[in-house]
């Protein structure tokens, strides 16, 4: 897949290789054959998102008086190392040191604010070593933004709970590709000049490049494909999303039995869908996708390539719109004479 641009225009949409409405052709053993996407390519002029189917001061610590009105003291926690920013889905490391009355072997937790900053979510835990230090992991995030974290040592029979100062970590998009190839010579525009390549993926690595492609799951998005009575769920697995022999393969599979997909959805069918939302965005331009589509003539299979807005200015889907530059159906008599 490759993208070109010619001018610094700035808008934001998203494209998708295989759409929400997933069924692809059946494969052996009751599954559907994989839709092969050989070397997808996008060509553009400036900034659109592709959908396919804090700083912490070293030494920051709790400022409260370590002795409480209960007569029990409170350990302090000093953050010695923490990332100020991470890219999407990148893990980080936090190194801290506690003070007495905490002891080696005591537990320490890493928390982050809950949705809408209500409550908290525990994201990692460890124990203090002999020097009262510990290392905790910040799990990768799926969405851009700035998130607050803090460390906690729970109360024991000999001391009160201690916590560190809150520190923010900013989640950012990955850096643009340094030298996208876009296949052969860049195509020419009407005036004879060539497009400038801005993104390219030949899927020639051992796995999907998670810096730029985000597998979709119904459990997170709530989206399915099909009808209200019979639909498939988006699933991130090697059965539905795979990279092999220079191709991205997105498949519809029969799970054999109905499975809970989350978001109050359940289905025996699952499909693959990947997107660039939050990782790559461009306005205008030339988008090129090379794909092999299943040759089916029975109802139930659809492949889609979409552009979605980077920002839902007019509300969530469908309020802010979408651009479908290809929707392919195995059978749809209302739009096909067959």
Protein backbone atom coordinates (compact mmCIF):
# COMPACT_ATOMS: atom_id res chain seq x y z
CA UNK A 1 0.00 0.00 0.00
CA UNK A 2 1.42 3.38 -0.86
CA UNK A 3 0.45 7.03 -0.68
CA UNK A 4 1.61 10.12 -2.55
CA UNK A 5 0.98 13.81 -2.04
CA UNK A 6 1.69 17.06 -3.85
CA UNK A 7 0.70 19.92 -1.54
CA UNK A 8 0.57 20.58 2.23
CA UNK A 9 -3.23 20.53 2.33
CA UNK A 10 -4.61 19.35 5.62
CA UNK A 11 -7.92 17.48 6.17
CA UNK A 12 -8.62 14.21 7.80
CA UNK A 13 -10.36 11.06 6.64
CA UNK A 14 -9.70 7.35 7.04
CA UNK A 15 -9.63 4.44 4.58
CA UNK A 16 -10.33 0.81 5.15
CA UNK A 17 -9.24 -2.18 3.06
CA UNK A 18 -11.79 -4.66 4.23
CA UNK A 19 -14.95 -3.05 5.47
CA UNK A 20 -17.27 -3.58 8.41
CA UNK A 21 -19.42 -5.93 6.39
CA UNK A 22 -17.02 -8.76 6.32
CA UNK A 23 -17.89 -12.09 4.78
CA UNK A 24 -15.19 -13.21 2.35
CA UNK A 25 -15.21 -16.45 0.44
CA UNK A 26 -15.33 -19.78 2.30
CA UNK A 27 -12.10 -21.68 2.89
CA UNK A 28 -11.67 -25.42 3.51
CA UNK A 29 -12.80 -26.85 6.83
CA UNK A 30 -15.84 -24.60 7.00
CA UNK A 31 -13.92 -21.32 6.89
CA UNK A 32 -13.87 -18.64 4.21
CA UNK A 33 -10.91 -18.20 1.88
CA UNK A 34 -8.72 -15.27 2.63
CA UNK A 35 -9.03 -12.09 0.64
CA UNK A 36 -5.44 -11.54 -0.54
CA UNK A 37 -4.19 -7.96 -0.56
CA UNK A 38 -0.98 -7.94 -2.57
CA UNK A 39 1.03 -4.81 -1.91
CA UNK A 40 -1.56 -2.19 -1.09
CA UNK A 41 -0.64 1.28 -2.28
CA UNK A 42 -1.85 4.79 -1.53
CA UNK A 43 -1.02 8.00 -3.30
CA UNK A 44 -1.97 11.40 -1.90
CA UNK A 45 -1.56 15.16 -1.61
CA UNK A 46 -1.52 15.95 2.07
CA UNK A 47 -3.08 14.42 5.27
CA UNK A 48 -5.89 11.57 5.51
CA UNK A 49 -6.32 8.56 7.82
CA UNK A 50 -6.49 5.10 6.27
CA UNK A 51 -9.02 2.53 7.59
CA UNK A 52 -8.90 -0.91 5.90
CA UNK A 53 -12.60 -3.45 6.71
CA UNK A 54 4.31 14.36 30.75
CA UNK A 55 6.51 15.05 31.99
CA UNK A 56 7.49 13.67 35.34
CA UNK A 57 10.03 15.44 37.42
CA UNK A 58 12.73 13.05 38.58
CA UNK A 59 12.42 12.88 42.32
CA UNK A 60 8.72 13.79 42.38
CA UNK A 61 7.14 12.27 45.46
CA UNK A 62 4.23 12.50 47.84
CA UNK A 63 4.14 15.83 49.63
CA UNK A 64 1.96 14.83 52.59
CA UNK A 65 3.30 14.63 56.11
CA UNK A 66 4.46 10.98 56.46
CA UNK A 67 2.92 10.74 59.93
CA UNK A 68 -0.89 10.53 60.00
CA UNK A 69 -3.34 11.42 62.75
CA UNK A 70 -3.76 7.68 63.40
CA UNK A 71 -0.23 7.56 64.71
CA UNK A 72 0.88 5.30 61.85
CA UNK A 73 3.48 6.64 59.46
CA UNK A 74 3.12 6.62 55.69
CA UNK A 75 5.82 5.56 53.18
CA UNK A 76 6.74 8.01 50.45
CA UNK A 77 7.25 6.98 46.82
CA UNK A 78 9.65 8.84 44.54
CA UNK A 79 9.44 8.34 40.77
CA UNK A 80 13.01 8.17 39.41
CA UNK A 81 12.23 7.21 35.82
CA UNK A 82 9.11 7.42 33.65
CA UNK A 83 8.46 8.15 29.97
CA UNK A 84 7.09 11.54 29.05
CA UNK A 85 5.55 10.13 25.86
CA UNK A 86 4.91 6.78 24.17
CA UNK A 87 3.64 5.87 20.72
CA UNK A 88 0.39 3.96 20.25
CA UNK A 89 0.59 0.44 21.73
CA UNK A 90 4.15 1.01 23.00
CA UNK A 91 4.91 -0.22 26.53
CA UNK A 92 6.84 1.99 28.96
CA UNK A 93 8.78 1.53 32.19
CA UNK A 94 8.48 3.30 35.53
CA UNK A 95 11.25 3.00 38.14
CA UNK A 96 10.56 4.14 41.69
CA UNK A 97 11.98 4.12 45.19
CA UNK A 98 10.01 3.92 48.44
CA UNK A 99 10.93 4.91 51.98
CA UNK A 100 10.45 3.27 55.36
CA UNK A 101 8.27 2.05 56.96
CA UNK A 102 7.75 0.10 53.68
CA UNK A 103 9.82 -3.09 53.63
CA UNK A 104 11.39 -5.33 50.98
CA UNK A 105 8.74 -7.66 49.56
CA UNK A 106 5.87 -5.23 50.12
CA UNK A 107 3.56 -4.83 47.10
CA UNK A 108 3.47 -1.70 44.95
CA UNK A 109 0.87 -0.91 42.28
CA UNK A 110 0.75 1.34 39.21
CA UNK A 111 -2.63 3.02 38.66
CA UNK A 112 -4.13 5.22 35.97
CA UNK A 113 -7.29 7.30 35.97
CA UNK A 114 -10.46 5.52 34.89
CA UNK A 115 -12.81 6.61 32.11
CA UNK A 116 -13.64 10.32 32.34
CA UNK A 117 -11.11 10.46 35.21
CA UNK A 118 -13.55 8.60 37.46
CA UNK A 119 -11.86 6.18 39.85
CA UNK A 120 -8.74 4.33 38.80
CA UNK A 121 -7.53 1.24 36.94
CA UNK A 122 -4.61 -0.84 38.18
CA UNK A 123 -2.30 -1.52 35.22
CA UNK A 124 0.68 -3.28 36.85
CA UNK A 125 2.05 -4.49 40.15
CA UNK A 126 5.37 -5.56 41.61
CA UNK A 127 7.16 -5.88 44.95
CA UNK A 128 9.86 -3.74 46.54
CA UNK A 129 13.38 -5.16 46.39
CA UNK A 130 16.00 -5.00 49.15
CA UNK A 131 16.71 -1.35 48.27
CA UNK A 132 12.98 -0.50 48.36
CA UNK A 133 12.98 0.05 44.59
CA UNK A 134 10.69 -1.45 41.95
CA UNK A 135 10.10 -1.36 38.19
CA UNK A 136 6.56 -1.26 36.80
CA UNK A 137 5.29 -1.52 33.22
CA UNK A 138 3.01 1.00 31.53
CA UNK A 139 0.93 -1.08 29.07
CA UNK A 140 0.54 0.26 25.54
CA UNK A 141 -2.50 2.43 24.84
CA UNK A 142 -4.87 2.15 21.88
CA UNK A 143 -5.85 5.84 21.75
CA UNK A 144 -4.01 9.13 21.52
CA UNK A 145 -4.13 11.51 24.46
CA UNK A 146 -2.48 12.31 27.78
CA UNK A 147 -3.05 9.90 30.67
CA UNK A 148 -2.23 10.31 34.37
CA UNK A 149 -0.45 7.61 36.40
CA UNK A 150 0.66 7.18 40.00
CA UNK A 151 2.20 4.46 42.16
CA UNK A 152 0.64 3.17 45.39
CA UNK A 153 1.86 1.07 48.30
CA UNK A 154 -1.25 -0.27 50.06
CA UNK A 155 -1.72 0.14 53.81
CA UNK A 156 -0.52 -2.63 56.10
CA UNK A 157 -0.93 -3.32 59.78
CA UNK A 158 2.06 -1.10 60.53
CA UNK A 159 1.69 1.86 58.17
CA UNK A 160 -0.82 3.85 56.13
CA UNK A 161 -1.13 3.78 52.34
CA UNK A 162 1.55 5.72 50.47
CA UNK A 163 1.37 7.10 46.95
CA UNK A 164 3.57 8.98 44.51
CA UNK A 165 2.84 12.27 42.84
CA UNK A 166 0.67 11.92 39.72
CA UNK A 167 2.62 12.03 36.45
CA UNK A 168 1.23 12.33 32.89
CA UNK A 169 2.30 10.30 29.84
CA UNK A 170 1.36 11.51 26.37
CA UNK A 171 0.41 8.91 23.73
CA UNK A 172 1.42 10.04 20.24
CA UNK A 173 1.22 8.73 16.67
CA UNK A 174 4.24 6.88 15.27
CA UNK A 175 6.73 8.85 13.21
CA UNK A 176 6.00 8.99 9.47
CA UNK A 177 7.81 6.53 7.24
CA UNK A 178 11.24 7.93 6.39
CA UNK A 179 11.48 6.70 2.80
CA UNK A 180 8.28 5.06 1.53
CA UNK A 181 8.90 3.28 -1.77
CA UNK A 182 5.43 3.22 -3.36
CA UNK A 183 6.47 0.50 -5.77
CA UNK A 184 7.86 1.69 -9.09
CA UNK A 185 8.08 5.27 -10.33
CA UNK A 186 5.44 7.53 -8.82
CA UNK A 187 2.42 8.01 -11.11
CA UNK A 188 2.02 11.30 -12.93
CA UNK A 189 -0.68 13.89 -12.35
CA UNK A 190 -2.67 15.57 -15.11
CA UNK A 191 -0.08 18.36 -15.40
CA UNK A 192 2.73 15.85 -15.94
CA UNK A 193 4.36 16.22 -12.52
CA UNK A 194 4.69 13.19 -10.28
CA UNK A 195 2.97 12.46 -7.01
CA UNK A 196 5.07 12.37 -3.85
CA UNK A 197 4.96 9.04 -2.02
CA UNK A 198 3.83 9.43 1.61
CA UNK A 199 3.01 5.87 2.69
CA UNK A 200 3.72 2.40 1.36
CA UNK A 201 3.37 -1.14 2.70
CA UNK A 202 4.24 -4.21 0.63
CA UNK A 203 3.46 -6.56 3.55
CA UNK A 204 6.84 -8.23 3.06
CA UNK A 205 7.64 -8.58 6.77
CA UNK A 206 6.88 -11.54 9.05
CA UNK A 207 3.84 -9.87 10.63
CA UNK A 208 1.52 -6.87 10.44
CA UNK A 209 3.35 -3.60 11.16
CA UNK A 210 1.62 -2.58 14.39
CA UNK A 211 3.10 0.91 14.22
CA UNK A 212 0.67 1.80 11.44
CA UNK A 213 -2.04 -0.88 11.29
CA UNK A 214 -4.60 -1.34 14.07
CA UNK A 215 -6.58 -4.61 14.02
CA UNK A 216 -10.24 -4.03 14.83
CA UNK A 217 -12.28 -5.99 17.37
CA UNK A 218 -16.01 -5.82 18.08
CA UNK A 219 -15.16 -6.06 21.78
CA UNK A 220 -13.62 -2.58 21.55
CA UNK A 221 -15.58 -0.87 18.76
CA UNK A 222 -19.01 -2.51 18.95
CA UNK A 223 -19.02 -2.77 15.13
CA UNK A 224 -20.13 -5.90 13.29
CA UNK A 225 -20.86 -6.67 9.64
CA UNK A 226 -23.88 -8.23 7.99
CA UNK A 227 -27.49 -7.77 9.06
CA UNK A 228 -29.04 -7.34 12.48
CA UNK A 229 -30.20 -10.96 12.44
CA UNK A 230 -27.03 -12.52 11.05
CA UNK A 231 -23.69 -10.82 11.40
CA UNK A 232 -19.99 -11.47 11.90
CA UNK A 233 -17.77 -10.00 14.62
CA UNK A 234 -14.41 -8.32 14.04
CA UNK A 235 -11.70 -10.49 15.63
CA UNK A 236 -7.93 -10.03 15.90
CA UNK A 237 -6.47 -13.51 15.42
CA UNK A 238 -4.13 -15.31 13.03
CA UNK A 239 -7.21 -16.91 11.47
CA UNK A 240 -8.72 -13.57 10.47
CA UNK A 241 -5.62 -11.35 10.02
CA UNK A 242 -2.34 -12.68 8.68
CA UNK A 243 0.70 -11.56 6.71
CA UNK A 244 2.31 -14.14 4.44
CA UNK A 245 4.25 -14.23 1.15
CA UNK A 246 4.07 -10.47 0.68
CA UNK A 247 0.31 -10.25 1.20
CA UNK A 248 -2.04 -9.07 3.91
CA UNK A 249 -4.72 -11.74 4.22
CA UNK A 250 -8.08 -10.81 5.74
CA UNK A 251 -10.49 -13.70 6.21
CA UNK A 252 -14.03 -14.54 7.19
CA UNK A 253 -14.10 -17.70 9.32
CA UNK A 254 -16.77 -19.98 10.71
CA UNK A 255 -16.00 -20.46 14.41
CA UNK A 256 -18.20 -23.56 14.54
CA UNK A 257 -20.34 -22.26 17.36
CA UNK A 258 -21.70 -18.95 18.58
CA UNK A 259 -19.10 -16.95 20.53
CA UNK A 260 -19.39 -13.89 22.76
CA UNK A 261 -17.83 -10.90 20.96
CA UNK A 262 -18.37 -8.34 23.74
CA UNK A 263 -20.55 -5.22 23.53
CA UNK A 264 -23.62 -7.51 23.87
CA UNK A 265 -22.80 -9.16 20.52
CA UNK A 266 -22.34 -12.86 19.72
CA UNK A 267 -21.79 -14.74 16.45
CA UNK A 268 -20.35 -17.95 15.01
CA UNK A 269 -18.66 -15.89 12.27
CA UNK A 270 -15.58 -13.65 12.60
CA UNK A 271 -13.79 -11.40 10.11
CA UNK A 272 -10.54 -9.46 9.81
CA UNK A 273 -10.34 -5.67 9.57
CA UNK A 274 -7.38 -3.31 9.97
CA UNK A 275 -7.17 0.47 9.91
CA UNK A 276 -4.81 3.46 10.10
CA UNK A 277 -6.94 5.57 12.42
CA UNK A 278 -4.63 7.60 14.71
CA UNK A 279 -1.47 6.29 13.01
CA UNK A 280 -1.63 7.84 9.53
CA UNK A 281 -3.79 10.66 8.19
CA UNK A 282 -3.87 12.55 4.92
CA UNK A 283 -6.15 14.91 3.03
CA UNK A 284 -6.74 14.55 -0.69
CA UNK A 285 -4.40 12.65 -2.96
CA UNK A 286 -4.26 9.38 -4.84
CA UNK A 287 -4.93 6.13 -3.01
CA UNK A 288 -4.04 2.83 -4.59
CA UNK A 289 -4.81 -0.65 -3.24
CA UNK A 290 -3.89 -3.84 -5.07
CA UNK A 291 -6.02 -6.74 -3.87
CA UNK A 292 -7.37 -10.10 -4.95
CA UNK A 293 -11.05 -10.52 -4.07
CA UNK A 294 -12.80 -13.89 -3.60
CA UNK A 295 -14.71 -15.03 -6.69
CA UNK A 296 -18.04 -15.82 -5.04
CA UNK A 297 -21.60 -15.66 -6.41
CA UNK A 298 -23.51 -16.50 -3.24
CA UNK A 299 -24.84 -13.98 -0.68
CA UNK A 300 -22.77 -13.16 2.37
CA UNK A 301 -19.40 -11.78 1.24
CA UNK A 302 -18.39 -8.13 1.12
CA UNK A 303 -15.02 -6.38 0.88
CA UNK A 304 -14.72 -2.66 1.51
CA UNK A 305 -12.10 0.07 1.25
CA UNK A 306 -13.09 3.19 3.17
CA UNK A 307 -11.93 6.65 4.13
CA UNK A 308 -13.07 7.72 7.57
CA UNK A 309 -12.67 11.12 9.26
CA UNK A 310 -9.74 11.44 11.61
CA UNK A 311 -11.90 13.65 13.83
CA UNK A 312 -15.66 13.19 14.25
CA UNK A 313 -16.41 16.89 13.90
CA UNK A 314 -20.14 16.30 13.39
CA UNK A 315 -20.56 13.44 15.85
CA UNK A 316 -19.82 9.70 15.85
CA UNK A 317 -20.44 7.50 12.82
CA UNK A 318 -22.38 8.06 10.64
CA UNK A 319 -22.72 11.75 11.57
CA UNK A 320 -19.27 12.76 10.32
CA UNK A 321 -19.54 10.71 7.15
CA UNK A 322 -17.28 8.32 5.28
CA UNK A 323 -15.95 7.91 1.74
CA UNK A 324 -16.32 4.43 0.25
CA UNK A 325 -13.99 4.11 -2.71
CA UNK A 326 -14.74 0.39 -3.17
CA UNK A 327 -17.46 -1.89 -1.81
CA UNK A 328 -17.61 -5.34 -3.39
CA UNK A 329 -20.43 -7.84 -2.85
CA UNK A 330 -20.53 -11.53 -3.75
CA UNK A 331 -24.25 -11.19 -4.47
CA UNK A 332 -26.46 -8.12 -4.34
CA UNK A 333 -29.32 -8.21 -6.83
CA UNK A 334 -30.38 -4.67 -6.04
CA UNK A 335 -27.11 -3.37 -7.50
CA UNK A 336 -26.09 -6.23 -9.80
CA UNK A 337 -27.95 -7.88 -12.70
CA UNK A 338 -26.66 -11.31 -11.64
